[in-house]
Amino acid sequence: MTDNGTRPCRSSPAAPHGVSPEQRTVLEARGRRSVEFGAAWFIGGLLVAVVTFGQAQGGGVQFVVWVPMFYGVHRIVSGFHLVKKSRELS
């Protein structure tokens, strides 16, 4: 505000976020759950790839499981984004 109590042109007061502490807590919990779930998918896909690679050393077939690993990375990144968003709203 300026000295006379009016706002400068095109300025607005600090808008309330309209998000309650409970909503922030739920958003952060969803983000953390998404990170955990994504880590599980990534580790599961990596485990299958490593096990099949070990079995394929004798001339067998190797399954490279990329889709669960990519899905896991996607869930981890989106989970971190939700956690960050919940902390910015506080």
PDB file of N, CA and C in Angstrom:
ATOM      1  N   MET A   1       0.829  -1.168   0.000  1.00  0.00           N
ATOM      2  CA  MET A   1       0.000   0.000   0.000  1.00  0.00           C
ATOM      3  C   MET A   1       0.883   1.244   0.000  1.00  0.00           C
ATOM      4  N   THR A   2       0.329   2.287  -0.521  1.00  0.00           N
ATOM      5  CA  THR A   2       1.044   3.554  -0.522  1.00  0.00           C
ATOM      6  C   THR A   2       0.792   4.268   0.800  1.00  0.00           C
ATOM      7  N   ASP A   3       1.392   5.419   0.930  1.00  0.00           N
ATOM      8  CA  ASP A   3       1.274   6.157   2.191  1.00  0.00           C
ATOM      9  C   ASP A   3      -0.150   6.589   2.505  1.00  0.00           C
ATOM     10  N   ASN A   4      -0.964   6.853   1.495  1.00  0.00           N
ATOM     11  CA  ASN A   4      -2.319   7.324   1.764  1.00  0.00           C
ATOM     12  C   ASN A   4      -3.333   6.183   1.902  1.00  0.00           C
ATOM     13  N   GLY A   5      -2.878   4.938   1.925  1.00  0.00           N
ATOM     14  CA  GLY A   5      -3.773   3.815   2.177  1.00  0.00           C
ATOM     15  C   GLY A   5      -4.409   3.229   0.934  1.00  0.00           C
ATOM     16  N   THR A   6      -4.061   3.723  -0.240  1.00  0.00           N
ATOM     17  CA  THR A   6      -4.616   3.154  -1.465  1.00  0.00           C
ATOM     18  C   THR A   6      -3.571   2.248  -2.105  1.00  0.00           C
ATOM     19  N   ARG A   7      -4.073   1.345  -2.915  1.00  0.00           N
ATOM     20  CA  ARG A   7      -3.159   0.420  -3.579  1.00  0.00           C
ATOM     21  C   ARG A   7      -2.685   1.015  -4.905  1.00  0.00           C
ATOM     22  N   PRO A   8      -1.456   0.708  -5.295  1.00  0.00           N
ATOM     23  CA  PRO A   8      -0.990   1.148  -6.608  1.00  0.00           C
ATOM     24  C   PRO A   8      -1.818   0.507  -7.713  1.00  0.00           C
ATOM     25  N   CYS A   9      -1.737   1.076  -8.876  1.00  0.00           N
ATOM     26  CA  CYS A   9      -2.499   0.586 -10.028  1.00  0.00           C
ATOM     27  C   CYS A   9      -2.210  -0.900 -10.273  1.00  0.00           C
ATOM     28  N   ARG A  10      -3.248  -1.662 -10.539  1.00  0.00           N
ATOM     29  CA  ARG A  10      -3.200  -3.087 -10.882  1.00  0.00           C
ATOM     30  C   ARG A  10      -2.627  -3.973  -9.785  1.00  0.00           C
ATOM     31  N   SER A  11      -2.647  -3.539  -8.586  1.00  0.00           N
ATOM     32  CA  SER A  11      -2.195  -4.407  -7.506  1.00  0.00           C
ATOM     33  C   SER A  11      -3.421  -4.948  -6.794  1.00  0.00           C
ATOM     34  N   SER A  12      -3.259  -6.081  -6.196  1.00  0.00           N
ATOM     35  CA  SER A  12      -4.371  -6.677  -5.473  1.00  0.00           C
ATOM     36  C   SER A  12      -3.881  -7.096  -4.101  1.00  0.00           C
ATOM     37  N   PRO A  13      -4.778  -7.191  -3.171  1.00  0.00           N
ATOM     38  CA  PRO A  13      -4.357  -7.645  -1.846  1.00  0.00           C
ATOM     39  C   PRO A  13      -3.924  -9.103  -1.927  1.00  0.00           C
ATOM     40  N   ALA A  14      -3.196  -9.531  -0.938  1.00  0.00           N
ATOM     41  CA  ALA A  14      -2.769 -10.929  -0.905  1.00  0.00           C
ATOM     42  C   ALA A  14      -4.005 -11.809  -0.834  1.00  0.00           C
ATOM     43  N   ALA A  15      -4.191 -12.592  -1.870  1.00  0.00           N
ATOM     44  CA  ALA A  15      -5.373 -13.441  -1.938  1.00  0.00           C
ATOM     45  C   ALA A  15      -5.199 -14.641  -1.015  1.00  0.00           C
ATOM     46  N   PRO A  16      -6.222 -14.953  -0.247  1.00  0.00           N
ATOM     47  CA  PRO A  16      -6.112 -16.155   0.582  1.00  0.00           C
ATOM     48  C   PRO A  16      -6.127 -17.386  -0.315  1.00  0.00           C
ATOM     49  N   HIS A  17      -5.396 -18.381   0.091  1.00  0.00           N
ATOM     50  CA  HIS A  17      -5.310 -19.583  -0.723  1.00  0.00           C
ATOM     51  C   HIS A  17      -6.602 -20.384  -0.699  1.00  0.00           C
ATOM     52  N   GLY A  18      -7.392 -20.227   0.321  1.00  0.00           N
ATOM     53  CA  GLY A  18      -8.639 -20.958   0.402  1.00  0.00           C
ATOM     54  C   GLY A  18      -8.445 -22.433   0.670  1.00  0.00           C
ATOM     55  N   VAL A  19      -7.298 -22.802   1.186  1.00  0.00           N
ATOM     56  CA  VAL A  19      -7.007 -24.202   1.465  1.00  0.00           C
ATOM     57  C   VAL A  19      -6.825 -24.351   2.959  1.00  0.00           C
ATOM     58  N   SER A  20      -7.603 -25.235   3.537  1.00  0.00           N
ATOM     59  CA  SER A  20      -7.513 -25.445   4.979  1.00  0.00           C
ATOM     60  C   SER A  20      -6.296 -26.308   5.320  1.00  0.00           C
ATOM     61  N   PRO A  21      -5.872 -26.267   6.568  1.00  0.00           N
ATOM     62  CA  PRO A  21      -4.747 -27.129   6.985  1.00  0.00           C
ATOM     63  C   PRO A  21      -5.040 -28.608   6.772  1.00  0.00           C
ATOM     64  N   GLU A  22      -6.304 -29.008   6.923  1.00  0.00           N
ATOM     65  CA  GLU A  22      -6.663 -30.408   6.699  1.00  0.00           C
ATOM     66  C   GLU A  22      -6.469 -30.797   5.236  1.00  0.00           C
ATOM     67  N   GLN A  23      -6.834 -29.889   4.330  1.00  0.00           N
ATOM     68  CA  GLN A  23      -6.659 -30.156   2.901  1.00  0.00           C
ATOM     69  C   GLN A  23      -5.186 -30.246   2.538  1.00  0.00           C
ATOM     70  N   ARG A  24      -4.360 -29.395   3.144  1.00  0.00           N
ATOM     71  CA  ARG A  24      -2.916 -29.469   2.906  1.00  0.00           C
ATOM     72  C   ARG A  24      -2.351 -30.793   3.406  1.00  0.00           C
ATOM     73  N   THR A  25      -2.839 -31.237   4.559  1.00  0.00           N
ATOM     74  CA  THR A  25      -2.381 -32.504   5.112  1.00  0.00           C
ATOM     75  C   THR A  25      -2.766 -33.663   4.200  1.00  0.00           C
ATOM     76  N   VAL A  26      -3.984 -33.640   3.685  1.00  0.00           N
ATOM     77  CA  VAL A  26      -4.435 -34.690   2.781  1.00  0.00           C
ATOM     78  C   VAL A  26      -3.619 -34.667   1.496  1.00  0.00           C
ATOM     79  N   LEU A  27      -3.348 -33.480   0.975  1.00  0.00           N
ATOM     80  CA  LEU A  27      -2.561 -33.358  -0.248  1.00  0.00           C
ATOM     81  C   LEU A  27      -1.143 -33.887  -0.047  1.00  0.00           C
ATOM     82  N   GLU A  28      -0.542 -33.574   1.086  1.00  0.00           N
ATOM     83  CA  GLU A  28       0.804 -34.075   1.365  1.00  0.00           C
ATOM     84  C   GLU A  28       0.794 -35.589   1.554  1.00  0.00           C
ATOM     85  N   ALA A  29      -0.227 -36.109   2.213  1.00  0.00           N
ATOM     86  CA  ALA A  29      -0.319 -37.562   2.402  1.00  0.00           C
ATOM     87  C   ALA A  29      -0.477 -38.274   1.062  1.00  0.00           C
ATOM     88  N   ARG A  30      -1.279 -37.713   0.171  1.00  0.00           N
ATOM     89  CA  ARG A  30      -1.433 -38.303  -1.171  1.00  0.00           C
ATOM     90  C   ARG A  30      -0.114 -38.287  -1.924  1.00  0.00           C
ATOM     91  N   GLY A  31       0.633 -37.203  -1.778  1.00  0.00           N
ATOM     92  CA  GLY A  31       1.928 -37.107  -2.444  1.00  0.00           C
ATOM     93  C   GLY A  31       2.915 -38.130  -1.921  1.00  0.00           C
ATOM     94  N   ARG A  32       2.967 -38.271  -0.609  1.00  0.00           N
ATOM     95  CA  ARG A  32       3.878 -39.261  -0.011  1.00  0.00           C
ATOM     96  C   ARG A  32       3.493 -40.680  -0.412  1.00  0.00           C
ATOM     97  N   ARG A  33       2.197 -40.968  -0.429  1.00  0.00           N
ATOM     98  CA  ARG A  33       1.724 -42.288  -0.847  1.00  0.00           C
ATOM     99  C   ARG A  33       2.083 -42.562  -2.302  1.00  0.00           C
ATOM    100  N   SER A  34       1.980 -41.539  -3.127  1.00  0.00           N
ATOM    101  CA  SER A  34       2.338 -41.688  -4.533  1.00  0.00           C
ATOM    102  C   SER A  34       3.822 -41.969  -4.699  1.00  0.00           C
ATOM    103  N   VAL A  35       4.657 -41.310  -3.908  1.00  0.00           N
ATOM    104  CA  VAL A  35       6.102 -41.558  -3.962  1.00  0.00           C
ATOM    105  C   VAL A  35       6.393 -42.998  -3.537  1.00  0.00           C
ATOM    106  N   GLU A  36       5.771 -43.447  -2.457  1.00  0.00           N
ATOM    107  CA  GLU A  36       5.994 -44.813  -1.982  1.00  0.00           C
ATOM    108  C   GLU A  36       5.518 -45.842  -3.006  1.00  0.00           C
ATOM    109  N   PHE A  37       4.350 -45.613  -3.564  1.00  0.00           N
ATOM    110  CA  PHE A  37       3.796 -46.527  -4.560  1.00  0.00           C
ATOM    111  C   PHE A  37       4.680 -46.567  -5.806  1.00  0.00           C
ATOM    112  N   GLY A  38       5.155 -45.407  -6.243  1.00  0.00           N
ATOM    113  CA  GLY A  38       6.040 -45.338  -7.401  1.00  0.00           C
ATOM    114  C   GLY A  38       7.360 -46.034  -7.152  1.00  0.00           C
ATOM    115  N   ALA A  39       7.899 -45.889  -5.947  1.00  0.00           N
ATOM    116  CA  ALA A  39       9.146 -46.580  -5.607  1.00  0.00           C
ATOM    117  C   ALA A  39       8.948 -48.084  -5.641  1.00  0.00           C
ATOM    118  N   ALA A  40       7.801 -48.548  -5.169  1.00  0.00           N
ATOM    119  CA  ALA A  40       7.520 -49.985  -5.200  1.00  0.00           C
ATOM    120  C   ALA A  40       7.450 -50.503  -6.640  1.00  0.00           C
ATOM    121  N   TRP A  41       6.794 -49.767  -7.527  1.00  0.00           N
ATOM    122  CA  TRP A  41       6.724 -50.171  -8.931  1.00  0.00           C
ATOM    123  C   TRP A  41       8.108 -50.178  -9.565  1.00  0.00           C
ATOM    124  N   PHE A  42       8.886 -49.151  -9.283  1.00  0.00           N
ATOM    125  CA  PHE A  42      10.223 -49.068  -9.869  1.00  0.00           C
ATOM    126  C   PHE A  42      11.102 -50.212  -9.374  1.00  0.00           C
ATOM    127  N   ILE A  43      11.092 -50.457  -8.082  1.00  0.00           N
ATOM    128  CA  ILE A  43      11.924 -51.524  -7.516  1.00  0.00           C
ATOM    129  C   ILE A  43      11.455 -52.884  -8.018  1.00  0.00           C
ATOM    130  N   GLY A  44      10.139 -53.083  -8.124  1.00  0.00           N
ATOM    131  CA  GLY A  44       9.616 -54.352  -8.656  1.00  0.00           C
ATOM    132  C   GLY A  44      10.057 -54.587 -10.092  1.00  0.00           C
ATOM    133  N   GLY A  45       9.957 -53.576 -10.931  1.00  0.00           N
ATOM    134  CA  GLY A  45      10.392 -53.706 -12.321  1.00  0.00           C
ATOM    135  C   GLY A  45      11.880 -53.939 -12.431  1.00  0.00           C
ATOM    136  N   LEU A  46      12.639 -53.247 -11.598  1.00  0.00           N
ATOM    137  CA  LEU A  46      14.083 -53.434 -11.591  1.00  0.00           C
ATOM    138  C   LEU A  46      14.454 -54.838 -11.128  1.00  0.00           C
ATOM    139  N   LEU A  47      13.743 -55.338 -10.127  1.00  0.00           N
ATOM    140  CA  LEU A  47      14.003 -56.678  -9.614  1.00  0.00           C
ATOM    141  C   LEU A  47      13.731 -57.743 -10.682  1.00  0.00           C
ATOM    142  N   VAL A  48      12.629 -57.607 -11.402  1.00  0.00           N
ATOM    143  CA  VAL A  48      12.323 -58.558 -12.475  1.00  0.00           C
ATOM    144  C   VAL A  48      13.388 -58.489 -13.565  1.00  0.00           C
ATOM    145  N   ALA A  49      13.830 -57.298 -13.906  1.00  0.00           N
ATOM    146  CA  ALA A  49      14.868 -57.154 -14.942  1.00  0.00           C
ATOM    147  C   ALA A  49      16.176 -57.798 -14.494  1.00  0.00           C
ATOM    148  N   VAL A  50      16.560 -57.605 -13.247  1.00  0.00           N
ATOM    149  CA  VAL A  50      17.817 -58.162 -12.747  1.00  0.00           C
ATOM    150  C   VAL A  50      17.741 -59.681 -12.658  1.00  0.00           C
ATOM    151  N   VAL A  51      16.620 -60.206 -12.165  1.00  0.00           N
ATOM    152  CA  VAL A  51      16.474 -61.658 -12.040  1.00  0.00           C
ATOM    153  C   VAL A  51      16.484 -62.324 -13.410  1.00  0.00           C
ATOM    154  N   THR A  52      15.753 -61.777 -14.369  1.00  0.00           N
ATOM    155  CA  THR A  52      15.731 -62.395 -15.692  1.00  0.00           C
ATOM    156  C   THR A  52      17.074 -62.244 -16.404  1.00  0.00           C
ATOM    157  N   PHE A  53      17.789 -61.166 -16.116  1.00  0.00           N
ATOM    158  CA  PHE A  53      19.119 -61.010 -16.698  1.00  0.00           C
ATOM    159  C   PHE A  53      20.064 -62.078 -16.157  1.00  0.00           C
ATOM    160  N   GLY A  54      19.961 -62.351 -14.861  1.00  0.00           N
ATOM    161  CA  GLY A  54      20.788 -63.391 -14.254  1.00  0.00           C
ATOM    162  C   GLY A  54      20.469 -64.764 -14.814  1.00  0.00           C
ATOM    163  N   GLN A  55      19.207 -65.028 -15.089  1.00  0.00           N
ATOM    164  CA  GLN A  55      18.814 -66.320 -15.649  1.00  0.00           C
ATOM    165  C   GLN A  55      19.171 -66.434 -17.120  1.00  0.00           C
ATOM    166  N   ALA A  56      19.282 -65.328 -17.819  1.00  0.00           N
ATOM    167  CA  ALA A  56      19.558 -65.348 -19.254  1.00  0.00           C
ATOM    168  C   ALA A  56      21.043 -65.484 -19.557  1.00  0.00           C
ATOM    169  N   GLN A  57      21.887 -65.486 -18.563  1.00  0.00           N
ATOM    170  CA  GLN A  57      23.325 -65.605 -18.797  1.00  0.00           C
ATOM    171  C   GLN A  57      23.674 -66.925 -19.473  1.00  0.00           C
ATOM    172  N   GLY A  58      22.913 -67.970 -19.232  1.00  0.00           N
ATOM    173  CA  GLY A  58      23.180 -69.268 -19.840  1.00  0.00           C
ATOM    174  C   GLY A  58      22.542 -69.421 -21.209  1.00  0.00           C
ATOM    175  N   GLY A  59      22.037 -68.375 -21.789  1.00  0.00           N
ATOM    176  CA  GLY A  59      21.446 -68.435 -23.119  1.00  0.00           C
ATOM    177  C   GLY A  59      19.932 -68.400 -23.118  1.00  0.00           C
ATOM    178  N   GLY A  60      19.319 -68.057 -22.007  1.00  0.00           N
ATOM    179  CA  GLY A  60      17.863 -67.987 -21.921  1.00  0.00           C
ATOM    180  C   GLY A  60      17.325 -66.659 -22.423  1.00  0.00           C
ATOM    181  N   VAL A  61      16.061 -66.443 -22.177  1.00  0.00           N
ATOM    182  CA  VAL A  61      15.382 -65.217 -22.596  1.00  0.00           C
ATOM    183  C   VAL A  61      15.413 -64.213 -21.447  1.00  0.00           C
ATOM    184  N   GLN A  62      15.666 -62.965 -21.780  1.00  0.00           N
ATOM    185  CA  GLN A  62      15.694 -61.915 -20.769  1.00  0.00           C
ATOM    186  C   GLN A  62      14.524 -60.976 -20.978  1.00  0.00           C
ATOM    187  N   PHE A  63      13.793 -60.723 -19.907  1.00  0.00           N
ATOM    188  CA  PHE A  63      12.705 -59.755 -19.956  1.00  0.00           C
ATOM    189  C   PHE A  63      13.213 -58.439 -19.389  1.00  0.00           C
ATOM    190  N   VAL A  64      13.192 -57.432 -20.195  1.00  0.00           N
ATOM    191  CA  VAL A  64      13.547 -56.106 -19.704  1.00  0.00           C
ATOM    192  C   VAL A  64      12.224 -55.392 -19.457  1.00  0.00           C
ATOM    193  N   VAL A  65      11.959 -55.129 -18.216  1.00  0.00           N
ATOM    194  CA  VAL A  65      10.669 -54.589 -17.815  1.00  0.00           C
ATOM    195  C   VAL A  65      10.806 -53.080 -17.633  1.00  0.00           C
ATOM    196  N   TRP A  66      10.580 -52.364 -18.718  1.00  0.00           N
ATOM    197  CA  TRP A  66      10.721 -50.911 -18.668  1.00  0.00           C
ATOM    198  C   TRP A  66       9.441 -50.222 -18.218  1.00  0.00           C
ATOM    199  N   VAL A  67       8.297 -50.742 -18.610  1.00  0.00           N
ATOM    200  CA  VAL A  67       7.040 -50.035 -18.333  1.00  0.00           C
ATOM    201  C   VAL A  67       6.792 -49.846 -16.842  1.00  0.00           C
ATOM    202  N   PRO A  68       6.920 -50.875 -15.999  1.00  0.00           N
ATOM    203  CA  PRO A  68       6.720 -50.609 -14.563  1.00  0.00           C
ATOM    204  C   PRO A  68       7.748 -49.636 -13.988  1.00  0.00           C
ATOM    205  N   MET A  69       8.954 -49.664 -14.517  1.00  0.00           N
ATOM    206  CA  MET A  69       9.975 -48.736 -14.026  1.00  0.00           C
ATOM    207  C   MET A  69       9.638 -47.302 -14.423  1.00  0.00           C
ATOM    208  N   PHE A  70       9.195 -47.087 -15.658  1.00  0.00           N
ATOM    209  CA  PHE A  70       8.802 -45.743 -16.094  1.00  0.00           C
ATOM    210  C   PHE A  70       7.572 -45.262 -15.324  1.00  0.00           C
ATOM    211  N   TYR A  71       6.624 -46.176 -15.099  1.00  0.00           N
ATOM    212  CA  TYR A  71       5.432 -45.818 -14.323  1.00  0.00           C
ATOM    213  C   TYR A  71       5.832 -45.428 -12.901  1.00  0.00           C
ATOM    214  N   GLY A  72       6.771 -46.169 -12.334  1.00  0.00           N
ATOM    215  CA  GLY A  72       7.255 -45.845 -10.995  1.00  0.00           C
ATOM    216  C   GLY A  72       7.891 -44.469 -10.933  1.00  0.00           C
ATOM    217  N   VAL A  73       8.711 -44.152 -11.924  1.00  0.00           N
ATOM    218  CA  VAL A  73       9.342 -42.826 -11.969  1.00  0.00           C
ATOM    219  C   VAL A  73       8.276 -41.739 -12.105  1.00  0.00           C
ATOM    220  N   HIS A  74       7.272 -42.003 -12.944  1.00  0.00           N
ATOM    221  CA  HIS A  74       6.180 -41.036 -13.119  1.00  0.00           C
ATOM    222  C   HIS A  74       5.457 -40.789 -11.798  1.00  0.00           C
ATOM    223  N   ARG A  75       5.144 -41.859 -11.065  1.00  0.00           N
ATOM    224  CA  ARG A  75       4.454 -41.712  -9.787  1.00  0.00           C
ATOM    225  C   ARG A  75       5.316 -40.991  -8.760  1.00  0.00           C
ATOM    226  N   ILE A  76       6.615 -41.259  -8.760  1.00  0.00           N
ATOM    227  CA  ILE A  76       7.522 -40.599  -7.824  1.00  0.00           C
ATOM    228  C   ILE A  76       7.569 -39.100  -8.098  1.00  0.00           C
ATOM    229  N   VAL A  77       7.713 -38.728  -9.364  1.00  0.00           N
ATOM    230  CA  VAL A  77       7.786 -37.306  -9.726  1.00  0.00           C
ATOM    231  C   VAL A  77       6.465 -36.606  -9.405  1.00  0.00           C
ATOM    232  N   SER A  78       5.333 -37.235  -9.751  1.00  0.00           N
ATOM    233  CA  SER A  78       4.049 -36.597  -9.460  1.00  0.00           C
ATOM    234  C   SER A  78       3.807 -36.509  -7.953  1.00  0.00           C
ATOM    235  N   GLY A  79       4.289 -37.496  -7.199  1.00  0.00           N
ATOM    236  CA  GLY A  79       4.158 -37.436  -5.744  1.00  0.00           C
ATOM    237  C   GLY A  79       4.966 -36.299  -5.148  1.00  0.00           C
ATOM    238  N   PHE A  80       6.202 -36.137  -5.620  1.00  0.00           N
ATOM    239  CA  PHE A  80       7.017 -35.020  -5.141  1.00  0.00           C
ATOM    240  C   PHE A  80       6.369 -33.684  -5.498  1.00  0.00           C
ATOM    241  N   HIS A  81       5.730 -33.635  -6.664  1.00  0.00           N
ATOM    242  CA  HIS A  81       5.042 -32.407  -7.065  1.00  0.00           C
ATOM    243  C   HIS A  81       3.885 -32.097  -6.105  1.00  0.00           C
ATOM    244  N   LEU A  82       3.121 -33.126  -5.701  1.00  0.00           N
ATOM    245  CA  LEU A  82       2.018 -32.909  -4.762  1.00  0.00           C
ATOM    246  C   LEU A  82       2.538 -32.457  -3.397  1.00  0.00           C
ATOM    247  N   VAL A  83       3.622 -33.055  -2.934  1.00  0.00           N
ATOM    248  CA  VAL A  83       4.185 -32.649  -1.641  1.00  0.00           C
ATOM    249  C   VAL A  83       4.658 -31.203  -1.706  1.00  0.00           C
ATOM    250  N   LYS A  84       5.326 -30.857  -2.799  1.00  0.00           N
ATOM    251  CA  LYS A  84       5.799 -29.477  -2.964  1.00  0.00           C
ATOM    252  C   LYS A  84       4.626 -28.499  -3.001  1.00  0.00           C
ATOM    253  N   LYS A  85       3.564 -28.877  -3.706  1.00  0.00           N
ATOM    254  CA  LYS A  85       2.395 -28.022  -3.808  1.00  0.00           C
ATOM    255  C   LYS A  85       1.738 -27.830  -2.432  1.00  0.00           C
ATOM    256  N   SER A  86       1.671 -28.895  -1.653  1.00  0.00           N
ATOM    257  CA  SER A  86       1.060 -28.780  -0.326  1.00  0.00           C
ATOM    258  C   SER A  86       1.881 -27.873   0.573  1.00  0.00           C
ATOM    259  N   ARG A  87       3.182 -27.873   0.418  1.00  0.00           N
ATOM    260  CA  ARG A  87       4.030 -27.019   1.251  1.00  0.00           C
ATOM    261  C   ARG A  87       3.999 -25.565   0.788  1.00  0.00           C
ATOM    262  N   GLU A  88       3.780 -25.349  -0.505  1.00  0.00           N
ATOM    263  CA  GLU A  88       3.666 -23.964  -1.008  1.00  0.00           C
ATOM    264  C   GLU A  88       2.382 -23.322  -0.570  1.00  0.00           C
ATOM    265  N   LEU A  89       1.334 -24.107  -0.367  1.00  0.00           N
ATOM    266  CA  LEU A  89       0.037 -23.558   0.028  1.00  0.00           C
ATOM    267  C   LEU A  89      -0.018 -23.180   1.493  1.00  0.00           C
ATOM    268  N   SER A  90       0.963 -23.621   2.267  1.00  0.00           N
ATOM    269  CA  SER A  90       0.914 -23.311   3.702  1.00  0.00           C
ATOM    270  C   SER A  90       1.418 -21.928   4.012  1.00  0.00           C
TER     271      SER A  90
END
